[in-house]
Amino acid sequence: MLIAEIFYSLQGEGELTGVPSVFVRTSGCNLRCNWCDTPYASWNPEGQPHSLEQILAAVQSHPLARHVVLTGGEPMIAKGTRELAAELKRLGYHLTIETAATVAPDGIACDLASLSPKLLNSAPDQRLSLAWRRKHEALRWQPDVVRAWLDDYDWQFKFVITQPGDVDELEGMLVSLKRDIPRHKVLLMPEGLTPEAVRAKAGWLGELCKARGYRYAHRLHLDLYGNKRGT
């Protein structure tokens, strides 16, 4: 597997915010979100090939950690992801998979599916070719795939919000799934690469969450470490 980084940190987003966890970040993505905060694993995939044994050894080098987060990029397109997930579960780890939900789970081992479908605000700009921009738009929302995750796993939704209108858009997407989606399972994250940028959106987004019953998703890692690798 091409691995961008493996590190031990605190989860910064979602229902398990603050939980010490080992992060395994695969390199490579089938989307190109304009605001991506890990371009080294998506826009310009970097990393080193790792065997399954090397990844497991790196995870086990942090003996206090019982949670593992498989992230990216898009981990569901990484060769060897299913074998890695199965082995982590066999070893007794709680496994979260962070995915844009564009690839069906097909029975992959997973304790928490952290689903981040992309909104229109993710559309890549002129830095990318028209072909890539069309590919991103065609792939970013796959309702049948999302339903497959919802039907078979514990899950959370994480949406990146840039403006109030994004919430209307995501509500339409959720309605189209024709599933019972408790609002406390939908986390809204302010887009931003710095604590200052996040705080600039936090006020109005927090009020929107209160008004509509969604969960506000703080980005703890930015406060603790800033926007840098290995955090």
Protein backbone atom coordinates (compact mmCIF):
# COMPACT_ATOMS: atom_id res chain seq x y z
CA MET A 1 0.00 0.00 0.00
CA LEU A 2 1.15 3.54 -0.71
CA ILE A 3 1.13 5.21 2.71
CA ALA A 4 1.45 8.96 3.18
CA GLU A 5 1.92 8.78 6.95
CA ILE A 6 1.23 6.76 10.09
CA PHE A 7 1.07 8.68 13.36
CA TYR A 8 -0.34 8.64 16.88
CA SER A 9 -2.53 11.57 17.86
CA LEU A 10 -5.90 12.62 19.23
CA GLN A 11 -8.91 12.41 16.96
CA GLY A 12 -9.76 15.95 15.96
CA GLU A 13 -13.18 15.52 14.36
CA GLY A 14 -16.37 13.54 14.79
CA GLU A 15 -18.02 11.57 17.56
CA LEU A 16 -14.67 10.29 18.88
CA THR A 17 -13.00 13.70 19.16
CA GLY A 18 -10.20 13.55 21.70
CA VAL A 19 -9.68 9.78 21.62
CA PRO A 20 -5.99 8.75 21.30
CA SER A 21 -5.71 6.89 18.01
CA VAL A 22 -3.24 5.69 15.41
CA PHE A 23 -3.91 7.22 12.01
CA VAL A 24 -3.01 5.28 8.87
CA ARG A 25 -3.21 7.69 5.93
CA THR A 26 -3.25 6.07 2.52
CA SER A 27 -2.11 8.11 -0.46
CA GLY A 28 -4.32 8.51 -3.51
CA CYS A 29 -7.84 9.85 -4.05
CA ASN A 30 -10.54 9.64 -6.70
CA LEU A 31 -11.73 13.20 -5.91
CA ARG A 32 -10.02 16.60 -5.97
CA CYS A 33 -11.71 18.81 -3.37
CA ASN A 34 -10.72 22.44 -3.79
CA TRP A 35 -10.26 22.97 -0.05
CA CYS A 36 -8.50 19.64 0.62
CA ASP A 37 -6.32 19.84 3.75
CA THR A 38 -4.19 16.81 2.80
CA PRO A 39 -3.12 17.52 -0.81
CA TYR A 40 -0.06 15.31 -0.30
CA ALA A 41 -2.46 12.34 -0.16
CA SER A 42 -4.83 13.46 -2.93
CA TRP A 43 -3.93 16.23 -5.39
CA ASN A 44 -0.26 15.20 -5.37
CA PRO A 45 -0.09 11.74 -3.80
CA GLU A 46 3.13 11.18 -1.88
CA GLY A 47 4.33 8.37 0.33
CA GLN A 48 6.18 5.10 0.53
CA PRO A 49 5.03 1.55 -0.24
CA HIS A 50 4.29 -0.43 2.93
CA SER A 51 3.57 -4.10 3.36
CA LEU A 52 0.74 -5.22 5.61
CA GLU A 53 3.32 -6.33 8.17
CA GLN A 54 5.02 -2.94 8.17
CA ILE A 55 1.74 -1.10 8.73
CA LEU A 56 0.72 -3.39 11.58
CA ALA A 57 4.13 -3.02 13.21
CA ALA A 58 3.81 0.78 13.05
CA VAL A 59 0.34 0.65 14.59
CA GLN A 60 1.46 -1.71 17.36
CA SER A 61 4.41 0.53 18.21
CA HIS A 62 1.86 2.66 20.10
CA PRO A 63 0.76 0.14 22.75
CA LEU A 64 -1.73 2.41 24.54
CA ALA A 65 -3.79 2.99 21.41
CA ARG A 66 -6.85 0.80 20.92
CA HIS A 67 -8.39 2.95 18.18
CA VAL A 68 -7.17 3.10 14.58
CA VAL A 69 -8.37 5.56 11.93
CA LEU A 70 -7.95 4.51 8.31
CA THR A 71 -7.97 7.73 6.31
CA GLY A 72 -6.58 9.34 3.19
CA GLY A 73 -6.88 10.51 0.49
CA GLU A 74 -9.53 7.91 -0.07
CA PRO A 75 -8.63 4.69 1.77
CA MET A 76 -11.31 2.68 0.00
CA ILE A 77 -9.38 2.83 -3.30
CA ALA A 78 -6.07 1.76 -1.75
CA LYS A 79 -4.82 -1.68 -2.71
CA GLY A 80 -4.80 -3.88 0.39
CA THR A 81 -7.30 -1.85 2.41
CA ARG A 82 -9.64 -4.78 3.01
CA GLU A 83 -6.86 -7.06 4.20
CA LEU A 84 -5.54 -4.33 6.51
CA ALA A 85 -8.98 -3.64 7.97
CA ALA A 86 -9.59 -7.34 8.60
CA GLU A 87 -6.25 -7.75 10.36
CA LEU A 88 -6.75 -4.68 12.55
CA LYS A 89 -10.11 -6.06 13.66
CA ARG A 90 -8.57 -9.46 14.33
CA LEU A 91 -6.05 -7.73 16.60
CA GLY A 92 -8.87 -6.13 18.58
CA TYR A 93 -8.66 -2.51 17.46
CA HIS A 94 -11.65 -0.22 17.10
CA LEU A 95 -11.51 0.80 13.44
CA THR A 96 -12.86 4.01 11.94
CA ILE A 97 -12.80 4.38 8.17
CA GLU A 98 -12.91 7.95 6.89
CA THR A 99 -14.36 7.92 3.39
CA ALA A 100 -16.14 10.16 0.91
CA ALA A 101 -18.55 7.24 0.42
CA THR A 102 -17.92 6.88 -3.30
CA VAL A 103 -16.85 3.21 -3.03
CA ALA A 104 -19.18 0.50 -1.72
CA PRO A 105 -18.10 -1.20 1.52
CA ASP A 106 -18.78 -4.76 0.32
CA GLY A 107 -18.35 -6.19 3.81
CA ILE A 108 -15.12 -4.44 4.81
CA ALA A 109 -14.31 -4.68 8.52
CA CYS A 110 -15.26 -1.38 10.18
CA ASP A 111 -16.60 -0.23 13.56
CA LEU A 112 -17.42 3.36 12.58
CA ALA A 113 -17.94 4.56 9.03
CA SER A 114 -17.14 8.26 8.97
CA LEU A 115 -18.93 9.36 5.82
CA SER A 116 -18.03 12.67 4.20
CA PRO A 117 -19.96 13.09 0.95
CA LYS A 118 -18.81 16.17 -0.90
CA LEU A 119 -20.99 19.19 -1.52
CA LEU A 120 -20.84 21.61 -4.44
CA ASN A 121 -18.38 23.68 -2.43
CA SER A 122 -15.75 20.99 -3.04
CA ALA A 123 -15.58 21.60 -6.81
CA PRO A 124 -11.95 21.98 -7.94
CA ASP A 125 -10.91 25.22 -9.59
CA GLN A 126 -9.00 25.99 -12.77
CA ARG A 127 -5.83 24.38 -11.43
CA LEU A 128 -7.25 21.11 -12.73
CA SER A 129 -8.21 20.05 -16.23
CA LEU A 130 -11.82 20.08 -17.36
CA ALA A 131 -11.70 16.29 -17.43
CA TRP A 132 -10.77 16.13 -13.74
CA ARG A 133 -13.41 18.70 -12.80
CA ARG A 134 -16.06 16.63 -14.59
CA LYS A 135 -14.83 13.44 -12.94
CA HIS A 136 -15.04 15.04 -9.49
CA GLU A 137 -18.59 16.24 -10.06
CA ALA A 138 -19.70 12.86 -11.39
CA LEU A 139 -18.22 10.96 -8.43
CA ARG A 140 -18.68 13.19 -5.39
CA TRP A 141 -22.24 12.05 -4.53
CA GLN A 142 -23.11 8.36 -4.84
CA PRO A 143 -26.41 7.79 -3.00
CA ASP A 144 -26.51 4.03 -3.60
CA VAL A 145 -23.03 3.70 -2.10
CA VAL A 146 -23.97 5.87 0.86
CA ARG A 147 -27.03 3.72 1.52
CA ALA A 148 -24.85 0.59 1.51
CA TRP A 149 -22.71 2.08 4.30
CA LEU A 150 -25.76 3.24 6.28
CA ASP A 151 -27.47 -0.13 6.09
CA ASP A 152 -24.58 -2.25 7.38
CA TYR A 153 -22.43 -0.14 9.72
CA ASP A 154 -22.43 2.24 12.62
CA TRP A 155 -21.86 5.60 10.98
CA GLN A 156 -21.54 9.33 11.25
CA PHE A 157 -21.86 12.01 8.58
CA LYS A 158 -19.29 14.81 8.41
CA PHE A 159 -20.00 17.66 6.01
CA VAL A 160 -17.59 20.50 5.26
CA ILE A 161 -19.49 23.79 5.37
CA THR A 162 -18.33 27.01 3.71
CA GLN A 163 -21.58 29.03 3.71
CA PRO A 164 -25.10 28.75 5.17
CA GLY A 165 -26.56 27.60 1.85
CA ASP A 166 -24.48 24.42 2.06
CA VAL A 167 -26.82 23.18 4.79
CA ASP A 168 -29.84 23.40 2.49
CA GLU A 169 -27.89 21.40 -0.09
CA LEU A 170 -26.93 18.61 2.33
CA GLU A 171 -30.48 18.39 3.63
CA GLY A 172 -31.68 17.65 0.11
CA MET A 173 -29.03 14.98 -0.24
CA LEU A 174 -30.02 13.33 3.02
CA VAL A 175 -33.71 13.33 2.12
CA SER A 176 -32.91 11.62 -1.18
CA LEU A 177 -31.38 8.68 0.72
CA LYS A 178 -34.81 7.68 2.05
CA ARG A 179 -33.30 6.52 5.34
CA ASP A 180 -33.87 7.51 8.96
CA ILE A 181 -31.04 9.98 9.59
CA PRO A 182 -31.02 11.21 13.21
CA ARG A 183 -29.81 14.79 13.15
CA HIS A 184 -27.33 14.23 15.98
CA LYS A 185 -25.49 11.81 13.66
CA VAL A 186 -24.88 14.63 11.16
CA LEU A 187 -21.83 16.71 12.03
CA LEU A 188 -21.19 20.06 10.36
CA MET A 189 -17.56 21.20 10.16
CA PRO A 190 -16.53 24.76 9.32
CA GLU A 191 -14.11 24.76 6.40
CA GLY A 192 -10.70 26.22 7.14
CA LEU A 193 -7.02 25.40 7.46
CA THR A 194 -6.33 27.58 10.50
CA PRO A 195 -8.04 28.09 13.88
CA GLU A 196 -8.78 31.66 12.81
CA ALA A 197 -10.53 30.56 9.61
CA VAL A 198 -12.58 28.00 11.53
CA ARG A 199 -13.58 30.52 14.18
CA ALA A 200 -14.72 32.96 11.48
CA LYS A 201 -17.44 30.46 10.52
CA ALA A 202 -18.09 28.96 13.95
CA GLY A 203 -20.59 31.57 15.14
CA TRP A 204 -23.13 31.34 12.36
CA LEU A 205 -22.60 27.61 11.88
CA GLY A 206 -23.15 26.95 15.57
CA GLU A 207 -26.40 28.88 15.43
CA LEU A 208 -27.46 26.90 12.35
CA CYS A 209 -26.78 23.66 14.20
CA LYS A 210 -28.91 24.84 17.12
CA ALA A 211 -31.74 25.88 14.82
CA ARG A 212 -31.81 22.66 12.81
CA GLY A 213 -30.66 20.05 15.33
CA TYR A 214 -27.33 19.08 13.79
CA ARG A 215 -24.11 18.54 15.69
CA TYR A 216 -21.38 21.15 15.45
CA ALA A 217 -18.02 19.53 14.71
CA HIS A 218 -15.06 21.29 16.22
CA ARG A 219 -11.67 20.69 14.57
CA LEU A 220 -9.57 20.02 17.65
CA HIS A 221 -6.34 19.15 15.85
CA LEU A 222 -6.10 22.64 14.36
CA ASP A 223 -6.27 24.19 17.82
CA LEU A 224 -3.74 21.77 19.28
CA TYR A 225 -1.22 21.46 16.46
CA GLY A 226 -2.11 23.72 13.53
CA ASN A 227 -2.41 22.49 9.97
CA LYS A 228 0.58 20.17 9.68
CA ARG A 229 1.33 16.56 8.97
CA GLY A 230 1.40 13.89 11.62
CA THR A 231 -1.32 15.44 13.77
